[in-house]
N, C-alpha and C. Protein backbone atom coordinates (compact mmCIF):
# COMPACT_ATOMS: atom_id res chain seq x y z
N MET A 1 -23.42 -123.90 -80.12
CA MET A 1 -24.90 -123.47 -80.21
C MET A 1 -24.69 -124.55 -81.59
N MET A 2 -25.99 -125.06 -80.59
CA MET A 2 -26.60 -126.83 -81.10
C MET A 2 -26.82 -126.99 -82.80
N ASN A 3 -26.35 -127.36 -83.91
CA ASN A 3 -27.09 -127.53 -84.86
C ASN A 3 -28.40 -128.55 -84.91
N LEU A 4 -29.31 -128.64 -85.96
CA LEU A 4 -30.66 -129.50 -85.81
C LEU A 4 -30.64 -129.97 -85.53
N ILE A 5 -30.04 -130.78 -86.17
CA ILE A 5 -29.65 -132.42 -85.84
C ILE A 5 -29.34 -132.80 -84.53
N ASP A 6 -28.69 -131.82 -83.30
CA ASP A 6 -28.10 -131.84 -82.05
C ASP A 6 -29.28 -131.94 -81.30
N GLU A 7 -30.28 -130.65 -81.74
CA GLU A 7 -31.24 -130.40 -81.28
C GLU A 7 -31.95 -131.62 -80.86
N LEU A 8 -32.23 -131.94 -82.23
CA LEU A 8 -33.51 -132.47 -82.50
C LEU A 8 -33.25 -134.34 -81.10
N ASP A 9 -31.87 -134.66 -81.60
CA ASP A 9 -31.61 -135.73 -80.61
C ASP A 9 -31.60 -135.61 -78.42
N PHE A 10 -31.22 -133.84 -78.25
CA PHE A 10 -31.34 -133.37 -77.15
C PHE A 10 -32.79 -133.51 -76.88
N THR A 11 -33.65 -133.03 -77.66
CA THR A 11 -35.11 -133.08 -77.17
C THR A 11 -35.93 -134.53 -77.00
N MET A 12 -35.45 -135.60 -77.90
CA MET A 12 -36.10 -136.97 -77.85
C MET A 12 -35.45 -137.47 -76.61
N LYS A 13 -34.43 -137.58 -76.65
CA LYS A 13 -33.49 -137.66 -75.22
C LYS A 13 -34.23 -136.92 -74.49
N GLN A 14 -34.42 -136.13 -74.44
CA GLN A 14 -35.24 -135.57 -72.62
C GLN A 14 -36.49 -136.04 -72.56
N GLN A 15 -37.74 -135.15 -73.24
CA GLN A 15 -38.94 -136.52 -73.85
C GLN A 15 -39.16 -137.70 -73.26
N SER A 16 -37.70 -138.77 -73.30
CA SER A 16 -37.46 -139.86 -73.44
C SER A 16 -37.50 -139.94 -71.41
N ILE A 17 -36.77 -138.89 -70.72
CA ILE A 17 -36.39 -138.49 -69.57
C ILE A 17 -38.11 -138.41 -68.87
N ILE A 18 -38.40 -137.45 -69.87
CA ILE A 18 -39.70 -136.91 -68.56
C ILE A 18 -40.69 -137.90 -68.98
N LYS A 19 -40.74 -139.01 -69.94
CA LYS A 19 -41.87 -140.00 -69.73
C LYS A 19 -41.34 -140.51 -68.94
N LYS A 20 -40.01 -141.30 -68.51
CA LYS A 20 -39.70 -142.60 -67.65
C LYS A 20 -40.75 -141.26 -65.93
N ILE A 21 -40.32 -140.30 -66.25
CA ILE A 21 -41.05 -139.51 -64.44
C ILE A 21 -42.27 -139.25 -64.40
N GLU A 22 -42.77 -139.54 -65.55
CA GLU A 22 -44.51 -139.24 -66.05
C GLU A 22 -45.21 -140.65 -65.26
N ASP A 23 -44.47 -142.15 -65.91
CA ASP A 23 -44.93 -143.09 -65.08
C ASP A 23 -44.25 -144.11 -64.33
N GLU A 24 -43.52 -143.18 -63.76
CA GLU A 24 -42.94 -143.61 -62.43
C GLU A 24 -44.10 -142.37 -61.42
N LEU A 25 -44.70 -141.30 -61.40
CA LEU A 25 -45.86 -140.66 -61.24
C LEU A 25 -46.79 -141.52 -61.28
N LYS A 26 -46.63 -141.37 -62.01
CA LYS A 26 -48.36 -142.44 -62.60
C LYS A 26 -48.33 -143.45 -61.89
N LEU A 27 -47.88 -144.56 -61.23
CA LEU A 27 -47.57 -145.50 -60.83
C LEU A 27 -47.81 -144.68 -58.75
N ALA A 28 -46.59 -144.37 -58.72
CA ALA A 28 -46.81 -143.48 -57.38
C ALA A 28 -48.06 -143.15 -56.85
N ASN A 29 -48.46 -142.79 -57.68
CA ASN A 29 -50.17 -141.96 -58.06
C ASN A 29 -51.57 -143.20 -57.95
N SER A 30 -51.10 -144.30 -58.49
CA SER A 30 -51.53 -145.28 -58.04
C SER A 30 -52.11 -146.69 -57.26
N LYS A 31 -50.10 -146.48 -56.25
CA LYS A 31 -50.42 -146.19 -54.98
C LYS A 31 -50.52 -146.14 -54.03
N TYR A 32 -50.05 -145.28 -54.06
CA TYR A 32 -49.69 -144.00 -52.55
C TYR A 32 -50.67 -143.01 -52.81
N PRO A 33 -51.63 -142.49 -52.02
CA PRO A 33 -51.90 -140.61 -51.64
C PRO A 33 -51.57 -139.52 -51.93
N LEU A 34 -51.76 -138.48 -52.39
CA LEU A 34 -51.10 -137.94 -51.94
C LEU A 34 -50.37 -137.48 -50.50
N PHE A 35 -48.88 -136.46 -50.89
CA PHE A 35 -48.57 -136.54 -49.30
C PHE A 35 -49.52 -135.92 -47.85
N ARG A 36 -49.73 -136.02 -47.95
CA ARG A 36 -50.14 -136.07 -45.89
C ARG A 36 -49.45 -134.70 -45.70
N SER A 37 -48.17 -133.89 -45.67
CA SER A 37 -48.15 -133.29 -44.77
C SER A 37 -46.47 -132.76 -44.78
N THR A 38 -45.78 -131.98 -45.24
CA THR A 38 -44.22 -131.35 -46.55
C THR A 38 -42.98 -132.56 -45.20
N HIS A 39 -43.38 -132.73 -43.12
CA HIS A 39 -42.99 -133.49 -43.11
C HIS A 39 -42.98 -134.98 -43.93
N GLN A 40 -43.81 -135.11 -44.54
CA GLN A 40 -44.02 -136.58 -45.05
C GLN A 40 -43.08 -136.56 -46.42
N ALA A 41 -43.44 -135.85 -46.83
CA ALA A 41 -43.07 -135.41 -48.12
C ALA A 41 -41.51 -135.79 -48.13
N TYR A 42 -40.71 -134.60 -47.55
CA TYR A 42 -39.53 -134.86 -47.33
C TYR A 42 -38.45 -135.67 -46.50
N ALA A 43 -39.78 -136.43 -46.34
CA ALA A 43 -39.04 -137.79 -45.67
C ALA A 43 -39.36 -139.53 -46.88
N VAL A 44 -40.12 -139.12 -47.84
CA VAL A 44 -40.35 -139.67 -49.36
C VAL A 44 -39.67 -139.15 -50.59
N MET A 45 -39.02 -138.16 -50.43
CA MET A 45 -37.65 -137.44 -50.98
C MET A 45 -36.39 -137.90 -49.85
N PHE A 46 -36.01 -137.89 -49.25
CA PHE A 46 -34.66 -137.90 -48.30
C PHE A 46 -34.85 -139.68 -48.56
N GLU A 47 -35.86 -139.59 -49.05
CA GLU A 47 -35.93 -142.28 -48.40
C GLU A 47 -35.03 -142.47 -50.38
N GLU A 48 -35.52 -141.24 -50.91
CA GLU A 48 -35.53 -141.99 -52.82
C GLU A 48 -34.13 -141.07 -53.11
N VAL A 49 -33.24 -140.04 -52.32
CA VAL A 49 -31.82 -138.70 -52.31
C VAL A 49 -31.30 -140.08 -51.58
N ASP A 50 -31.80 -140.79 -50.00
CA ASP A 50 -30.70 -141.66 -49.86
C ASP A 50 -30.17 -142.82 -50.74
N GLU A 51 -31.32 -143.56 -51.73
CA GLU A 51 -31.15 -144.35 -52.26
C GLU A 51 -29.98 -144.20 -53.68
N VAL A 52 -30.19 -143.27 -53.64
CA VAL A 52 -29.29 -142.73 -55.00
C VAL A 52 -27.81 -142.53 -54.08
N TRP A 53 -28.21 -142.18 -52.77
CA TRP A 53 -26.46 -142.11 -52.11
C TRP A 53 -25.91 -143.59 -52.18
N GLU A 54 -26.45 -144.36 -52.61
CA GLU A 54 -26.56 -145.79 -52.38
C GLU A 54 -25.51 -145.86 -53.12
N HIS A 55 -25.48 -145.61 -54.17
CA HIS A 55 -24.59 -146.00 -56.10
C HIS A 55 -23.57 -144.96 -56.00
N VAL A 56 -23.81 -143.55 -55.58
CA VAL A 56 -22.97 -142.73 -55.57
C VAL A 56 -22.05 -143.51 -55.31
N LYS A 57 -22.32 -144.40 -53.77
CA LYS A 57 -21.01 -144.11 -53.10
C LYS A 57 -20.38 -145.00 -53.30
N LYS A 58 -20.96 -146.15 -54.42
CA LYS A 58 -19.96 -147.37 -54.34
C LYS A 58 -18.68 -147.05 -55.13
N LYS A 59 -17.92 -147.89 -56.09
CA LYS A 59 -17.00 -147.16 -56.55
C LYS A 59 -17.48 -147.19 -57.87
N PRO A 60 -16.88 -146.87 -58.96
CA PRO A 60 -17.55 -147.00 -60.00
C PRO A 60 -18.41 -148.28 -60.77
N HIS A 61 -17.30 -149.29 -60.54
CA HIS A 61 -16.90 -150.28 -61.23
C HIS A 61 -18.18 -151.60 -60.85
N GLU A 62 -18.20 -150.58 -60.04
CA GLU A 62 -19.11 -151.86 -58.68
C GLU A 62 -20.95 -151.28 -58.75
N ARG A 63 -20.35 -150.03 -59.93
CA ARG A 63 -22.34 -149.22 -59.83
C ARG A 63 -22.86 -149.75 -60.85
N ASN A 64 -24.36 -150.30 -60.32
CA ASN A 64 -25.21 -150.32 -61.20
C ASN A 64 -26.20 -149.44 -62.09
N LEU A 65 -25.63 -148.85 -63.51
CA LEU A 65 -26.22 -147.06 -63.67
C LEU A 65 -27.35 -147.27 -64.18
N ASP A 66 -28.14 -148.95 -64.57
CA ASP A 66 -29.29 -149.05 -64.87
C ASP A 66 -30.38 -148.65 -63.08
N GLU A 67 -30.11 -148.94 -62.27
CA GLU A 67 -30.65 -148.53 -60.98
C GLU A 67 -30.44 -147.41 -60.33
N LEU A 68 -29.03 -146.75 -60.80
CA LEU A 68 -28.87 -145.24 -60.31
C LEU A 68 -30.56 -144.23 -60.95
N GLU A 69 -30.45 -144.77 -62.77
CA GLU A 69 -31.17 -143.80 -63.57
C GLU A 69 -33.01 -144.52 -62.60
N ASP A 70 -32.62 -145.69 -62.22
CA ASP A 70 -34.59 -145.53 -62.04
C ASP A 70 -34.47 -144.94 -60.40
N GLU A 71 -33.18 -144.49 -60.12
CA GLU A 71 -33.84 -143.88 -58.18
C GLU A 71 -34.13 -142.58 -58.63
N LEU A 72 -33.30 -142.03 -60.35
CA LEU A 72 -32.95 -140.46 -60.09
C LEU A 72 -34.45 -140.38 -60.03
N VAL A 73 -34.90 -140.70 -61.08
CA VAL A 73 -36.42 -140.58 -62.04
C VAL A 73 -37.58 -140.90 -60.49
N GLN A 74 -37.58 -141.64 -59.42
CA GLN A 74 -38.25 -141.78 -58.32
C GLN A 74 -38.12 -140.43 -57.59
N VAL A 75 -37.06 -140.31 -57.58
CA VAL A 75 -36.30 -138.75 -56.87
C VAL A 75 -37.12 -137.70 -57.55
N ALA A 76 -37.25 -138.06 -59.15
CA ALA A 76 -37.93 -136.51 -59.77
C ALA A 76 -39.55 -136.40 -59.53
N ALA A 77 -39.62 -137.90 -59.44
CA ALA A 77 -41.28 -138.00 -59.54
C ALA A 77 -42.14 -137.76 -58.16
N MET A 78 -40.66 -137.73 -57.43
CA MET A 78 -41.22 -137.75 -55.85
C MET A 78 -41.55 -135.80 -55.80
N ALA A 79 -40.69 -135.24 -56.82
CA ALA A 79 -40.53 -133.78 -56.08
C ALA A 79 -41.68 -133.81 -57.22
N CYS A 80 -41.76 -134.35 -58.30
CA CYS A 80 -43.84 -133.27 -58.97
C CYS A 80 -44.33 -134.29 -57.19
N LYS A 81 -44.59 -134.80 -57.06
CA LYS A 81 -45.68 -134.91 -55.76
C LYS A 81 -45.48 -134.50 -55.03
N PHE A 82 -44.80 -133.88 -55.04
CA PHE A 82 -43.98 -132.61 -54.01
C PHE A 82 -45.42 -131.33 -54.16
N ILE A 83 -44.74 -131.42 -55.43
CA ILE A 83 -44.76 -129.36 -55.88
C ILE A 83 -46.22 -129.89 -55.65
N TRP A 84 -46.61 -130.76 -56.68
CA TRP A 84 -48.24 -131.28 -56.91
C TRP A 84 -49.23 -130.95 -55.30
N TRP A 85 -48.29 -131.44 -54.34
CA TRP A 85 -49.13 -130.87 -53.15
C TRP A 85 -48.83 -129.77 -52.25
N VAL A 86 -48.08 -129.19 -53.08
CA VAL A 86 -47.89 -127.62 -52.28
C VAL A 86 -48.56 -127.08 -53.00
N ARG A 87 -49.44 -127.13 -54.83
CA ARG A 87 -49.97 -126.56 -55.49
C ARG A 87 -51.70 -127.01 -54.87
N GLU A 88 -51.81 -127.49 -54.09
CA GLU A 88 -53.23 -128.27 -53.72
C GLU A 88 -53.51 -127.62 -52.08
N GLN A 89 -51.64 -126.98 -51.74
CA GLN A 89 -51.95 -126.81 -50.85
C GLN A 89 -52.41 -124.98 -50.96
N LYS A 90 -51.84 -124.63 -51.64
CA LYS A 90 -52.31 -123.41 -52.30
C LYS A 90 -53.17 -122.64 -52.20
N ASN A 91 -54.25 -124.10 -53.53
CA ASN A 91 -55.31 -123.69 -54.02
C ASN A 91 -56.24 -123.72 -52.67
N THR A 92 -55.92 -124.91 -51.73
CA THR A 92 -56.68 -125.21 -50.86
C THR A 92 -57.41 -123.58 -49.50
N GLU A 93 -55.53 -122.33 -49.71
CA GLU A 93 -55.23 -121.73 -49.19
C GLU A 93 -56.10 -120.31 -49.57
N ARG A 94 -56.66 -120.68 -51.13
CA ARG A 94 -57.39 -118.94 -52.14
C ARG A 94 -58.40 -119.01 -51.89
N GLU A 95 -59.03 -120.66 -51.15
CA GLU A 95 -60.19 -120.65 -51.80
C GLU A 95 -61.05 -120.73 -50.09
N GLY A 96 -59.97 -119.99 -49.27
CA GLY A 96 -60.37 -119.18 -47.34
C GLY A 96 -59.82 -120.98 -46.81
N GLY A 97 -59.57 -121.91 -46.85
CA GLY A 97 -59.26 -123.20 -46.20
C GLY A 97 -57.79 -123.21 -45.58
N SER A 98 -57.80 -124.09 -45.27
CA SER A 98 -56.04 -124.19 -44.24
C SER A 98 -55.73 -125.67 -44.91
N TYR A 99 -55.12 -126.18 -44.54
CA TYR A 99 -54.12 -127.86 -44.47
C TYR A 99 -54.28 -127.82 -43.08
N TYR A 100 -53.91 -127.07 -42.65
CA TYR A 100 -52.99 -126.96 -41.29
C TYR A 100 -54.44 -127.15 -40.53
N LYS A 101 -54.50 -128.47 -39.16
CA LYS A 101 -55.71 -128.85 -38.73
C LYS A 101 -55.33 -129.73 -36.89
């Protein structure tokens, strides 16, 4: 069981990560519209995960952990954007529409 200091430290670290993801999502949304399809969303996610894989394949002493963290934040932000897209589609369907055209 964590003591209060450990819990506060964990919460602060967690909030810092979430803030980075939110900032990345805002940046991505300012540059690119919401996904047009599940295929596009998957392709964007795959590209980001592939960039993480490039770091993972390196020997530990050759990895740039700051860059790896940045790539992981991008994966998380794109996952959030994908969830956002899915929710938009669910709302469209509830209103009697369809995203299939």
